[in-house]
Amino acid sequence: MHAWFRLLGDQYAGSLRSLRSTRTLTTAGLLLAIQMVLSSYGVIEVTDSLKISLAHLALAPTAILFGPVTAAMQGALSDILGFMLKPTGPYFPGFTLTALLGGLIYGMAFYKTKRSVWQIIAARLVIIVFVNVLLNTVFLVMLYGPSRLATLPLRAFKNIIQLPFDCLLLLAVSKAMRRIRLQPVR
């Protein structure tokens, strides 16, 4: 247990240290731009509160390359910029929190690891269950009222159906990222 906490501490320290690099900031900025394009044009809107998006595919490389701190910041920025560029309702900080948590979870799962298929499935499953289905549904209920709770089964079904496709796409992104060799930040 102590080794696990030490590993997490090393991950956060390394990720935070990488933010001092211009290369990290520019690469994360480019990946953020890709994420913004994917969140605008790579979305299938089933209903106003049920969307299928590929934006997480641009967040995973940031998590792989730069860790949980940078990925969490990119997740939060993508939500804020997404609202500013294409608002679909009132701004609600809870959705910024869930975007931040998605980056944080990817960063904890993917940074400085080999990224096995099971790791990818576990990370995506945690995000689907706790972030997409539970937290986002709670925030929708807070924002629009208890009638949104009726969408919970549909939201859960959509996310479970989408899980294998997301995992396959994340696996492809992970394999592509293995070929990228960035020099460590000092």
C-alpha atoms as a PDB file:
ATOM      1  CA  MET A   1       0.000   0.000   0.000  1.00  0.00           C
ATOM      2  CA  HIS A   2       2.843   2.371   0.860  1.00  0.00           C
ATOM      3  CA  ALA A   3       4.485   1.703  -2.535  1.00  0.00           C
ATOM      4  CA  TRP A   4       1.227   2.534  -4.308  1.00  0.00           C
ATOM      5  CA  PHE A   5       1.001   5.943  -2.577  1.00  0.00           C
ATOM      6  CA  ARG A   6       4.627   6.584  -3.439  1.00  0.00           C
ATOM      7  CA  LEU A   7       3.942   5.756  -7.085  1.00  0.00           C
ATOM      8  CA  LEU A   8       0.992   8.184  -7.133  1.00  0.00           C
ATOM      9  CA  GLY A   9       3.147  10.877  -5.534  1.00  0.00           C
ATOM     10  CA  ASP A  10       5.822  10.331  -8.176  1.00  0.00           C
ATOM     11  CA  GLN A  11       3.189  10.523 -10.919  1.00  0.00           C
ATOM     12  CA  TYR A  12       1.827  13.840  -9.668  1.00  0.00           C
ATOM     13  CA  ALA A  13       5.291  15.297  -9.093  1.00  0.00           C
ATOM     14  CA  GLY A  14       6.456  14.291 -12.578  1.00  0.00           C
ATOM     15  CA  SER A  15       3.280  15.570 -14.175  1.00  0.00           C
ATOM     16  CA  LEU A  16       3.454  18.875 -12.314  1.00  0.00           C
ATOM     17  CA  ARG A  17       7.154  19.242 -13.176  1.00  0.00           C
ATOM     18  CA  SER A  18       6.407  18.691 -16.878  1.00  0.00           C
ATOM     19  CA  LEU A  19       4.196  21.803 -16.899  1.00  0.00           C
ATOM     20  CA  ARG A  20       7.337  23.929 -16.729  1.00  0.00           C
ATOM     21  CA  SER A  21       8.273  22.813 -20.235  1.00  0.00           C
ATOM     22  CA  THR A  22       7.272  24.818 -23.293  1.00  0.00           C
ATOM     23  CA  ARG A  23       7.081  21.551 -25.218  1.00  0.00           C
ATOM     24  CA  THR A  24       4.546  20.172 -22.735  1.00  0.00           C
ATOM     25  CA  LEU A  25       2.401  23.292 -22.930  1.00  0.00           C
ATOM     26  CA  THR A  26       2.451  23.430 -26.728  1.00  0.00           C
ATOM     27  CA  THR A  27       1.766  19.707 -27.150  1.00  0.00           C
ATOM     28  CA  ALA A  28      -1.036  19.787 -24.577  1.00  0.00           C
ATOM     29  CA  GLY A  29      -2.405  22.902 -26.314  1.00  0.00           C
ATOM     30  CA  LEU A  30      -2.450  21.118 -29.667  1.00  0.00           C
ATOM     31  CA  LEU A  31      -4.154  18.097 -28.106  1.00  0.00           C
ATOM     32  CA  LEU A  32      -6.653  20.453 -26.471  1.00  0.00           C
ATOM     33  CA  ALA A  33      -7.390  21.945 -29.895  1.00  0.00           C
ATOM     34  CA  ILE A  34      -7.946  18.445 -31.292  1.00  0.00           C
ATOM     35  CA  GLN A  35     -10.202  17.691 -28.332  1.00  0.00           C
ATOM     36  CA  MET A  36     -12.221  20.833 -29.031  1.00  0.00           C
ATOM     37  CA  VAL A  37     -12.692  19.819 -32.676  1.00  0.00           C
ATOM     38  CA  LEU A  38     -13.714  16.294 -31.632  1.00  0.00           C
ATOM     39  CA  SER A  39     -16.133  17.634 -29.022  1.00  0.00           C
ATOM     40  CA  SER A  40     -17.738  19.903 -31.629  1.00  0.00           C
ATOM     41  CA  TYR A  41     -17.749  17.709 -34.722  1.00  0.00           C
ATOM     42  CA  GLY A  42     -17.120  14.190 -33.389  1.00  0.00           C
ATOM     43  CA  VAL A  43     -20.397  14.062 -31.458  1.00  0.00           C
ATOM     44  CA  ILE A  44     -23.624  12.239 -32.111  1.00  0.00           C
ATOM     45  CA  GLU A  45     -26.372  13.963 -30.133  1.00  0.00           C
ATOM     46  CA  VAL A  46     -29.062  11.415 -29.234  1.00  0.00           C
ATOM     47  CA  THR A  47     -30.923  13.832 -26.935  1.00  0.00           C
ATOM     48  CA  ASP A  48     -29.954  17.140 -25.331  1.00  0.00           C
ATOM     49  CA  SER A  49     -28.432  15.265 -22.372  1.00  0.00           C
ATOM     50  CA  LEU A  50     -27.300  12.083 -24.156  1.00  0.00           C
ATOM     51  CA  LYS A  51     -24.325  12.411 -26.485  1.00  0.00           C
ATOM     52  CA  ILE A  52     -21.785  10.043 -27.992  1.00  0.00           C
ATOM     53  CA  SER A  53     -18.420  11.788 -28.196  1.00  0.00           C
ATOM     54  CA  LEU A  54     -14.884  10.957 -29.280  1.00  0.00           C
ATOM     55  CA  ALA A  55     -13.276  13.886 -27.434  1.00  0.00           C
ATOM     56  CA  HIS A  56     -11.696  11.598 -24.831  1.00  0.00           C
ATOM     57  CA  LEU A  57      -9.419  10.262 -27.574  1.00  0.00           C
ATOM     58  CA  ALA A  58      -7.474  13.551 -27.471  1.00  0.00           C
ATOM     59  CA  LEU A  59      -7.324  13.539 -23.671  1.00  0.00           C
ATOM     60  CA  ALA A  60      -5.703  10.100 -23.435  1.00  0.00           C
ATOM     61  CA  PRO A  61      -2.461  11.127 -25.228  1.00  0.00           C
ATOM     62  CA  THR A  62      -2.027  14.018 -22.808  1.00  0.00           C
ATOM     63  CA  ALA A  63      -2.475  11.600 -19.902  1.00  0.00           C
ATOM     64  CA  ILE A  64       0.018   9.165 -21.428  1.00  0.00           C
ATOM     65  CA  LEU A  65       2.661  11.795 -22.199  1.00  0.00           C
ATOM     66  CA  PHE A  66       2.309  14.266 -19.341  1.00  0.00           C
ATOM     67  CA  GLY A  67       0.355  12.622 -16.529  1.00  0.00           C
ATOM     68  CA  PRO A  68      -2.642  13.339 -14.335  1.00  0.00           C
ATOM     69  CA  VAL A  69      -2.072  17.039 -13.573  1.00  0.00           C
ATOM     70  CA  THR A  70      -1.741  18.108 -17.193  1.00  0.00           C
ATOM     71  CA  ALA A  71      -4.572  15.824 -18.342  1.00  0.00           C
ATOM     72  CA  ALA A  72      -6.866  17.126 -15.588  1.00  0.00           C
ATOM     73  CA  MET A  73      -6.103  20.708 -16.605  1.00  0.00           C
ATOM     74  CA  GLN A  74      -6.789  19.883 -20.254  1.00  0.00           C
ATOM     75  CA  GLY A  75     -10.075  18.227 -19.317  1.00  0.00           C
ATOM     76  CA  ALA A  76     -11.232  21.260 -17.342  1.00  0.00           C
ATOM     77  CA  LEU A  77     -10.103  23.702 -20.023  1.00  0.00           C
ATOM     78  CA  SER A  78     -11.881  21.714 -22.715  1.00  0.00           C
ATOM     79  CA  ASP A  79     -15.159  22.010 -20.824  1.00  0.00           C
ATOM     80  CA  ILE A  80     -14.771  25.743 -20.213  1.00  0.00           C
ATOM     81  CA  LEU A  81     -13.677  26.488 -23.788  1.00  0.00           C
ATOM     82  CA  GLY A  82     -16.380  24.190 -25.156  1.00  0.00           C
ATOM     83  CA  PHE A  83     -18.995  26.160 -23.259  1.00  0.00           C
ATOM     84  CA  MET A  84     -17.573  29.464 -24.464  1.00  0.00           C
ATOM     85  CA  LEU A  85     -17.406  28.369 -28.116  1.00  0.00           C
ATOM     86  CA  LYS A  86     -20.631  26.378 -28.343  1.00  0.00           C
ATOM     87  CA  PRO A  87     -22.890  26.717 -25.310  1.00  0.00           C
ATOM     88  CA  THR A  88     -25.668  24.129 -25.156  1.00  0.00           C
ATOM     89  CA  GLY A  89     -27.196  25.360 -21.912  1.00  0.00           C
ATOM     90  CA  PRO A  90     -26.186  27.285 -18.823  1.00  0.00           C
ATOM     91  CA  TYR A  91     -22.618  26.954 -17.565  1.00  0.00           C
ATOM     92  CA  PHE A  92     -22.415  24.527 -14.649  1.00  0.00           C
ATOM     93  CA  PRO A  93     -19.080  23.968 -12.835  1.00  0.00           C
ATOM     94  CA  GLY A  94     -20.021  20.363 -12.056  1.00  0.00           C
ATOM     95  CA  PHE A  95     -19.420  19.419 -15.684  1.00  0.00           C
ATOM     96  CA  THR A  96     -16.014  21.104 -15.528  1.00  0.00           C
ATOM     97  CA  LEU A  97     -15.294  18.952 -12.467  1.00  0.00           C
ATOM     98  CA  THR A  98     -16.279  15.766 -14.310  1.00  0.00           C
ATOM     99  CA  ALA A  99     -14.072  16.721 -17.275  1.00  0.00           C
ATOM    100  CA  LEU A 100     -11.215  17.343 -14.849  1.00  0.00           C
ATOM    101  CA  LEU A 101     -11.822  13.980 -13.164  1.00  0.00           C
ATOM    102  CA  GLY A 102     -11.758  12.199 -16.526  1.00  0.00           C
ATOM    103  CA  GLY A 103      -8.289  13.594 -17.238  1.00  0.00           C
ATOM    104  CA  LEU A 104      -7.137  12.783 -13.729  1.00  0.00           C
ATOM    105  CA  ILE A 105      -8.311   9.167 -13.998  1.00  0.00           C
ATOM    106  CA  TYR A 106      -6.683   8.704 -17.404  1.00  0.00           C
ATOM    107  CA  GLY A 107      -3.483  10.251 -16.061  1.00  0.00           C
ATOM    108  CA  MET A 108      -3.405   7.966 -13.022  1.00  0.00           C
ATOM    109  CA  ALA A 109      -4.041   4.920 -15.202  1.00  0.00           C
ATOM    110  CA  PHE A 110      -1.834   5.677 -18.210  1.00  0.00           C
ATOM    111  CA  TYR A 111       1.119   7.831 -17.120  1.00  0.00           C
ATOM    112  CA  LYS A 112       4.432   5.955 -17.021  1.00  0.00           C
ATOM    113  CA  THR A 113       2.800   2.534 -17.442  1.00  0.00           C
ATOM    114  CA  LYS A 114       2.671  -0.077 -20.208  1.00  0.00           C
ATOM    115  CA  ARG A 115      -1.098   0.368 -20.623  1.00  0.00           C
ATOM    116  CA  SER A 116      -2.440  -3.137 -20.907  1.00  0.00           C
ATOM    117  CA  VAL A 117      -5.861  -3.873 -22.352  1.00  0.00           C
ATOM    118  CA  TRP A 118      -7.164  -4.447 -18.807  1.00  0.00           C
ATOM    119  CA  GLN A 119      -5.828  -1.080 -17.649  1.00  0.00           C
ATOM    120  CA  ILE A 120      -7.573   0.648 -20.522  1.00  0.00           C
ATOM    121  CA  ILE A 121     -10.838  -1.185 -19.799  1.00  0.00           C
ATOM    122  CA  ALA A 122     -10.594  -0.418 -16.067  1.00  0.00           C
ATOM    123  CA  ALA A 123      -9.881   3.285 -16.621  1.00  0.00           C
ATOM    124  CA  ARG A 124     -12.711   3.646 -19.121  1.00  0.00           C
ATOM    125  CA  LEU A 125     -15.095   1.687 -16.878  1.00  0.00           C
ATOM    126  CA  VAL A 126     -14.315   3.914 -13.877  1.00  0.00           C
ATOM    127  CA  ILE A 127     -14.937   7.005 -15.989  1.00  0.00           C
ATOM    128  CA  ILE A 128     -18.143   5.564 -17.430  1.00  0.00           C
ATOM    129  CA  VAL A 129     -19.638   4.427 -14.119  1.00  0.00           C
ATOM    130  CA  PHE A 130     -18.579   7.176 -11.734  1.00  0.00           C
ATOM    131  CA  VAL A 131     -18.112  10.193 -13.977  1.00  0.00           C
ATOM    132  CA  ASN A 132     -20.387   9.804 -17.009  1.00  0.00           C
ATOM    133  CA  VAL A 133     -23.316   7.917 -15.511  1.00  0.00           C
ATOM    134  CA  LEU A 134     -23.397   8.843 -11.819  1.00  0.00           C
ATOM    135  CA  LEU A 135     -21.851  12.311 -11.473  1.00  0.00           C
ATOM    136  CA  ASN A 136     -23.149  13.726 -14.757  1.00  0.00           C
ATOM    137  CA  THR A 137     -26.648  12.434 -13.988  1.00  0.00           C
ATOM    138  CA  VAL A 138     -26.515  14.028 -10.518  1.00  0.00           C
ATOM    139  CA  PHE A 139     -25.421  17.304 -12.100  1.00  0.00           C
ATOM    140  CA  LEU A 140     -28.178  17.119 -14.722  1.00  0.00           C
ATOM    141  CA  VAL A 141     -30.722  16.576 -11.923  1.00  0.00           C
ATOM    142  CA  MET A 142     -29.272  19.549 -10.013  1.00  0.00           C
ATOM    143  CA  LEU A 143     -29.421  21.711 -13.119  1.00  0.00           C
ATOM    144  CA  TYR A 144     -32.719  20.675 -14.716  1.00  0.00           C
ATOM    145  CA  GLY A 145     -34.677  18.979 -11.930  1.00  0.00           C
ATOM    146  CA  PRO A 146     -35.587  15.453 -10.819  1.00  0.00           C
ATOM    147  CA  SER A 147     -37.180  14.586 -14.159  1.00  0.00           C
ATOM    148  CA  ARG A 148     -33.651  14.066 -15.540  1.00  0.00           C
ATOM    149  CA  LEU A 149     -33.235  11.088 -13.222  1.00  0.00           C
ATOM    150  CA  ALA A 150     -35.440   9.191 -15.662  1.00  0.00           C
ATOM    151  CA  THR A 151     -32.565   9.328 -18.184  1.00  0.00           C
ATOM    152  CA  LEU A 152     -30.261   7.291 -15.920  1.00  0.00           C
ATOM    153  CA  PRO A 153     -31.101   3.854 -17.426  1.00  0.00           C
ATOM    154  CA  LEU A 154     -30.700   5.191 -20.967  1.00  0.00           C
ATOM    155  CA  ARG A 155     -27.417   6.915 -20.075  1.00  0.00           C
ATOM    156  CA  ALA A 156     -26.102   3.722 -18.466  1.00  0.00           C
ATOM    157  CA  PHE A 157     -27.164   1.622 -21.461  1.00  0.00           C
ATOM    158  CA  LYS A 158     -25.524   4.031 -23.932  1.00  0.00           C
ATOM    159  CA  ASN A 159     -22.261   4.010 -21.990  1.00  0.00           C
ATOM    160  CA  ILE A 160     -22.153   0.213 -21.660  1.00  0.00           C
ATOM    161  CA  ILE A 161     -22.789  -0.183 -25.403  1.00  0.00           C
ATOM    162  CA  GLN A 162     -20.103   2.409 -26.153  1.00  0.00           C
ATOM    163  CA  LEU A 163     -17.514   0.818 -23.785  1.00  0.00           C
ATOM    164  CA  PRO A 164     -16.036  -1.769 -26.195  1.00  0.00           C
ATOM    165  CA  PHE A 165     -15.715   0.793 -29.002  1.00  0.00           C
ATOM    166  CA  ASP A 166     -14.084   3.319 -26.666  1.00  0.00           C
ATOM    167  CA  CYS A 167     -11.645   0.694 -25.400  1.00  0.00           C
ATOM    168  CA  LEU A 168     -10.670  -0.376 -28.915  1.00  0.00           C
ATOM    169  CA  LEU A 169     -10.091   3.240 -29.940  1.00  0.00           C
ATOM    170  CA  LEU A 170      -8.103   3.938 -26.753  1.00  0.00           C
ATOM    171  CA  LEU A 171      -6.015   0.827 -27.394  1.00  0.00           C
ATOM    172  CA  ALA A 172      -5.210   2.123 -30.891  1.00  0.00           C
ATOM    173  CA  VAL A 173      -4.291   5.537 -29.467  1.00  0.00           C
ATOM    174  CA  SER A 174      -2.142   3.871 -26.809  1.00  0.00           C
ATOM    175  CA  LYS A 175      -0.269   1.810 -29.403  1.00  0.00           C
ATOM    176  CA  ALA A 176       0.313   4.913 -31.523  1.00  0.00           C
ATOM    177  CA  MET A 177       1.629   6.767 -28.478  1.00  0.00           C
ATOM    178  CA  ARG A 178       4.238   4.056 -27.843  1.00  0.00           C
ATOM    179  CA  ARG A 179       5.994   5.197 -31.014  1.00  0.00           C
ATOM    180  CA  ILE A 180       6.273   8.787 -29.809  1.00  0.00           C
ATOM    181  CA  ARG A 181       9.454   9.418 -27.914  1.00  0.00           C
ATOM    182  CA  LEU A 182       9.566  12.700 -26.043  1.00  0.00           C
ATOM    183  CA  GLN A 183      12.654  13.568 -24.071  1.00  0.00           C
ATOM    184  CA  PRO A 184      12.002  13.750 -20.322  1.00  0.00           C
ATOM    185  CA  VAL A 185      11.555  17.181 -18.799  1.00  0.00           C
ATOM    186  CA  ARG A 186      14.313  18.159 -16.361  1.00  0.00           C
END
